[in-house]
Amino acid sequence: MTHRIYAMSVASVYVHYVAKAERKGRTRAEVDEIIRWLTGYDQAALDAHLAGGTSFADFFAQARLNPARELITGTICGVRIEEIAEPLMREIRYLDKLIDELAKGRAMTKILRDDPGRKV
């Protein structure tokens, strides 16, 4: 089964990620940092994907995914992330979970799983 979100543009959901973060006193820059950490994109590549209307399927297919993302656990929408069988859906849910953690006020070092190599 192909989920509708796979064909949706990342930009169409990104605005909601930013709005959620900003409602809780966080910033667009922090949302971008989370996405860059997860996907390996630099800011220029992220901006190009957002401007180009890249689908979630293509966005994650072209990413250099951070191996530390597998440390992300818990539930999102009532489903345990570790139990999501479809790889693409699991990647999307990792991103959702990170944005949720940001909106809940969690420190960036915790959100990014204390990655010592991260660039701020």
C-alpha atoms as a PDB file:
ATOM      1  CA  MET A   1       0.000   0.000   0.000  1.00  0.00           C
ATOM      2  CA  THR A   2       1.308   3.439  -0.917  1.00  0.00           C
ATOM      3  CA  HIS A   3       0.550   6.139   1.599  1.00  0.00           C
ATOM      4  CA  ARG A   4      -0.641   9.520   0.385  1.00  0.00           C
ATOM      5  CA  ILE A   5       2.085  11.316   2.341  1.00  0.00           C
ATOM      6  CA  TYR A   6       4.810   9.731   0.176  1.00  0.00           C
ATOM      7  CA  ALA A   7       3.722  11.870  -2.787  1.00  0.00           C
ATOM      8  CA  MET A   8       3.162  15.034  -0.734  1.00  0.00           C
ATOM      9  CA  SER A   9       5.777  17.746  -0.947  1.00  0.00           C
ATOM     10  CA  VAL A  10       8.014  18.167   2.057  1.00  0.00           C
ATOM     11  CA  ALA A  11       7.382  21.918   1.813  1.00  0.00           C
ATOM     12  CA  SER A  12       3.645  21.433   2.346  1.00  0.00           C
ATOM     13  CA  VAL A  13       4.307  19.783   5.727  1.00  0.00           C
ATOM     14  CA  TYR A  14       7.395  21.857   6.591  1.00  0.00           C
ATOM     15  CA  VAL A  15       5.254  24.966   7.137  1.00  0.00           C
ATOM     16  CA  HIS A  16       3.323  23.014   9.788  1.00  0.00           C
ATOM     17  CA  TYR A  17       6.559  21.845  11.452  1.00  0.00           C
ATOM     18  CA  VAL A  18       7.753  25.459  11.667  1.00  0.00           C
ATOM     19  CA  ALA A  19       4.387  26.739  12.908  1.00  0.00           C
ATOM     20  CA  LYS A  20       4.279  24.061  15.622  1.00  0.00           C
ATOM     21  CA  ALA A  21       7.805  24.913  16.756  1.00  0.00           C
ATOM     22  CA  GLU A  22       7.211  28.669  16.732  1.00  0.00           C
ATOM     23  CA  ARG A  23       3.962  28.318  18.739  1.00  0.00           C
ATOM     24  CA  LYS A  24       6.087  26.743  21.459  1.00  0.00           C
ATOM     25  CA  GLY A  25       8.809  29.401  21.349  1.00  0.00           C
ATOM     26  CA  ARG A  26      11.239  27.494  19.146  1.00  0.00           C
ATOM     27  CA  THR A  27      12.634  28.634  15.791  1.00  0.00           C
ATOM     28  CA  ARG A  28      12.672  27.811  12.103  1.00  0.00           C
ATOM     29  CA  ALA A  29      16.463  27.521  12.418  1.00  0.00           C
ATOM     30  CA  GLU A  30      16.018  24.711  14.966  1.00  0.00           C
ATOM     31  CA  VAL A  31      13.566  22.906  12.656  1.00  0.00           C
ATOM     32  CA  ASP A  32      16.101  23.203   9.830  1.00  0.00           C
ATOM     33  CA  GLU A  33      18.902  21.913  12.079  1.00  0.00           C
ATOM     34  CA  ILE A  34      16.825  18.857  12.972  1.00  0.00           C
ATOM     35  CA  ILE A  35      16.049  18.136   9.309  1.00  0.00           C
ATOM     36  CA  ARG A  36      19.706  18.598   8.311  1.00  0.00           C
ATOM     37  CA  TRP A  37      20.825  16.283  11.145  1.00  0.00           C
ATOM     38  CA  LEU A  38      18.369  13.580  10.095  1.00  0.00           C
ATOM     39  CA  THR A  39      18.901  13.789   6.331  1.00  0.00           C
ATOM     40  CA  GLY A  40      22.493  14.930   5.870  1.00  0.00           C
ATOM     41  CA  TYR A  41      21.413  17.804   3.622  1.00  0.00           C
ATOM     42  CA  ASP A  42      23.153  21.152   3.964  1.00  0.00           C
ATOM     43  CA  GLN A  43      21.010  24.275   4.190  1.00  0.00           C
ATOM     44  CA  ALA A  44      21.252  25.019   0.452  1.00  0.00           C
ATOM     45  CA  ALA A  45      20.072  21.511  -0.461  1.00  0.00           C
ATOM     46  CA  LEU A  46      17.252  21.659   2.084  1.00  0.00           C
ATOM     47  CA  ASP A  47      16.137  25.036   0.719  1.00  0.00           C
ATOM     48  CA  ALA A  48      16.253  23.659  -2.840  1.00  0.00           C
ATOM     49  CA  HIS A  49      14.063  20.675  -1.893  1.00  0.00           C
ATOM     50  CA  LEU A  50      11.569  22.971  -0.174  1.00  0.00           C
ATOM     51  CA  ALA A  51      11.468  25.384  -3.131  1.00  0.00           C
ATOM     52  CA  GLY A  52      11.300  22.559  -5.668  1.00  0.00           C
ATOM     53  CA  GLY A  53       8.337  20.784  -4.125  1.00  0.00           C
ATOM     54  CA  THR A  54      10.236  17.518  -3.599  1.00  0.00           C
ATOM     55  CA  SER A  55       8.003  14.646  -2.446  1.00  0.00           C
ATOM     56  CA  PHE A  56       8.712  12.848   0.813  1.00  0.00           C
ATOM     57  CA  ALA A  57       9.608   9.723  -1.187  1.00  0.00           C
ATOM     58  CA  ASP A  58      12.261  11.554  -3.237  1.00  0.00           C
ATOM     59  CA  PHE A  59      13.431  13.655  -0.278  1.00  0.00           C
ATOM     60  CA  PHE A  60      14.312  10.609   1.814  1.00  0.00           C
ATOM     61  CA  ALA A  61      15.554   8.566  -1.171  1.00  0.00           C
ATOM     62  CA  GLN A  62      18.201  11.216  -1.893  1.00  0.00           C
ATOM     63  CA  ALA A  63      19.177  11.805   1.764  1.00  0.00           C
ATOM     64  CA  ARG A  64      22.290  10.554   3.538  1.00  0.00           C
ATOM     65  CA  LEU A  65      20.386   9.419   6.612  1.00  0.00           C
ATOM     66  CA  ASN A  66      22.038   9.795   9.994  1.00  0.00           C
ATOM     67  CA  PRO A  67      22.723   6.360  11.493  1.00  0.00           C
ATOM     68  CA  ALA A  68      21.977   7.782  14.975  1.00  0.00           C
ATOM     69  CA  ARG A  69      18.318   8.177  13.916  1.00  0.00           C
ATOM     70  CA  GLU A  70      17.789   4.594  15.039  1.00  0.00           C
ATOM     71  CA  LEU A  71      18.158   5.880  18.615  1.00  0.00           C
ATOM     72  CA  ILE A  72      14.809   7.657  18.161  1.00  0.00           C
ATOM     73  CA  THR A  73      12.172   5.661  19.983  1.00  0.00           C
ATOM     74  CA  GLY A  74       8.728   6.168  21.404  1.00  0.00           C
ATOM     75  CA  THR A  75       5.300   6.688  19.953  1.00  0.00           C
ATOM     76  CA  ILE A  76       3.930   9.031  17.346  1.00  0.00           C
ATOM     77  CA  CYS A  77       0.205   9.059  16.589  1.00  0.00           C
ATOM     78  CA  GLY A  78      -0.155   6.109  18.966  1.00  0.00           C
ATOM     79  CA  VAL A  79       2.279   3.889  17.039  1.00  0.00           C
ATOM     80  CA  ARG A  80       5.692   2.806  18.320  1.00  0.00           C
ATOM     81  CA  ILE A  81       8.307   4.052  15.868  1.00  0.00           C
ATOM     82  CA  GLU A  82      10.377   0.900  16.328  1.00  0.00           C
ATOM     83  CA  GLU A  83       7.445  -1.209  15.105  1.00  0.00           C
ATOM     84  CA  ILE A  84       6.846   0.642  11.824  1.00  0.00           C
ATOM     85  CA  ALA A  85       7.703  -1.883   9.113  1.00  0.00           C
ATOM     86  CA  GLU A  86       7.790   0.382   6.046  1.00  0.00           C
ATOM     87  CA  PRO A  87      11.195   2.109   5.898  1.00  0.00           C
ATOM     88  CA  LEU A  88       9.925   5.338   4.309  1.00  0.00           C
ATOM     89  CA  MET A  89       7.088   5.701   6.813  1.00  0.00           C
ATOM     90  CA  ARG A  90       9.554   5.097   9.649  1.00  0.00           C
ATOM     91  CA  GLU A  91      11.817   7.913   8.313  1.00  0.00           C
ATOM     92  CA  ILE A  92       8.861  10.305   8.126  1.00  0.00           C
ATOM     93  CA  ARG A  93       7.818   9.367  11.654  1.00  0.00           C
ATOM     94  CA  TYR A  94      11.380   9.896  12.922  1.00  0.00           C
ATOM     95  CA  LEU A  95      11.103  13.458  11.623  1.00  0.00           C
ATOM     96  CA  ASP A  96       7.664  13.904  13.192  1.00  0.00           C
ATOM     97  CA  LYS A  97       8.993  12.660  16.540  1.00  0.00           C
ATOM     98  CA  LEU A  98      11.962  15.036  16.468  1.00  0.00           C
ATOM     99  CA  ILE A  99       9.689  18.002  15.752  1.00  0.00           C
ATOM    100  CA  ASP A 100       7.405  16.902  18.611  1.00  0.00           C
ATOM    101  CA  GLU A 101      10.399  16.788  20.961  1.00  0.00           C
ATOM    102  CA  LEU A 102      11.396  20.298  19.850  1.00  0.00           C
ATOM    103  CA  ALA A 103       7.883  21.625  20.479  1.00  0.00           C
ATOM    104  CA  LYS A 104       7.863  20.010  23.928  1.00  0.00           C
ATOM    105  CA  GLY A 105      10.932  22.022  24.896  1.00  0.00           C
ATOM    106  CA  ARG A 106      13.529  19.284  24.799  1.00  0.00           C
ATOM    107  CA  ALA A 107      17.137  20.472  24.512  1.00  0.00           C
ATOM    108  CA  MET A 108      18.683  20.266  21.040  1.00  0.00           C
ATOM    109  CA  THR A 109      21.529  18.074  22.334  1.00  0.00           C
ATOM    110  CA  LYS A 110      18.931  15.534  23.475  1.00  0.00           C
ATOM    111  CA  ILE A 111      16.866  15.811  20.287  1.00  0.00           C
ATOM    112  CA  LEU A 112      19.954  15.240  18.161  1.00  0.00           C
ATOM    113  CA  ARG A 113      20.938  12.306  20.356  1.00  0.00           C
ATOM    114  CA  ASP A 114      24.076  14.056  21.693  1.00  0.00           C
ATOM    115  CA  ASP A 115      25.791  13.840  18.320  1.00  0.00           C
ATOM    116  CA  PRO A 116      29.308  15.198  19.022  1.00  0.00           C
ATOM    117  CA  GLY A 117      29.933  15.783  15.312  1.00  0.00           C
ATOM    118  CA  ARG A 118      26.934  18.000  14.671  1.00  0.00           C
ATOM    119  CA  LYS A 119      27.464  21.401  13.109  1.00  0.00           C
ATOM    120  CA  VAL A 120      25.421  24.231  14.564  1.00  0.00           C
END
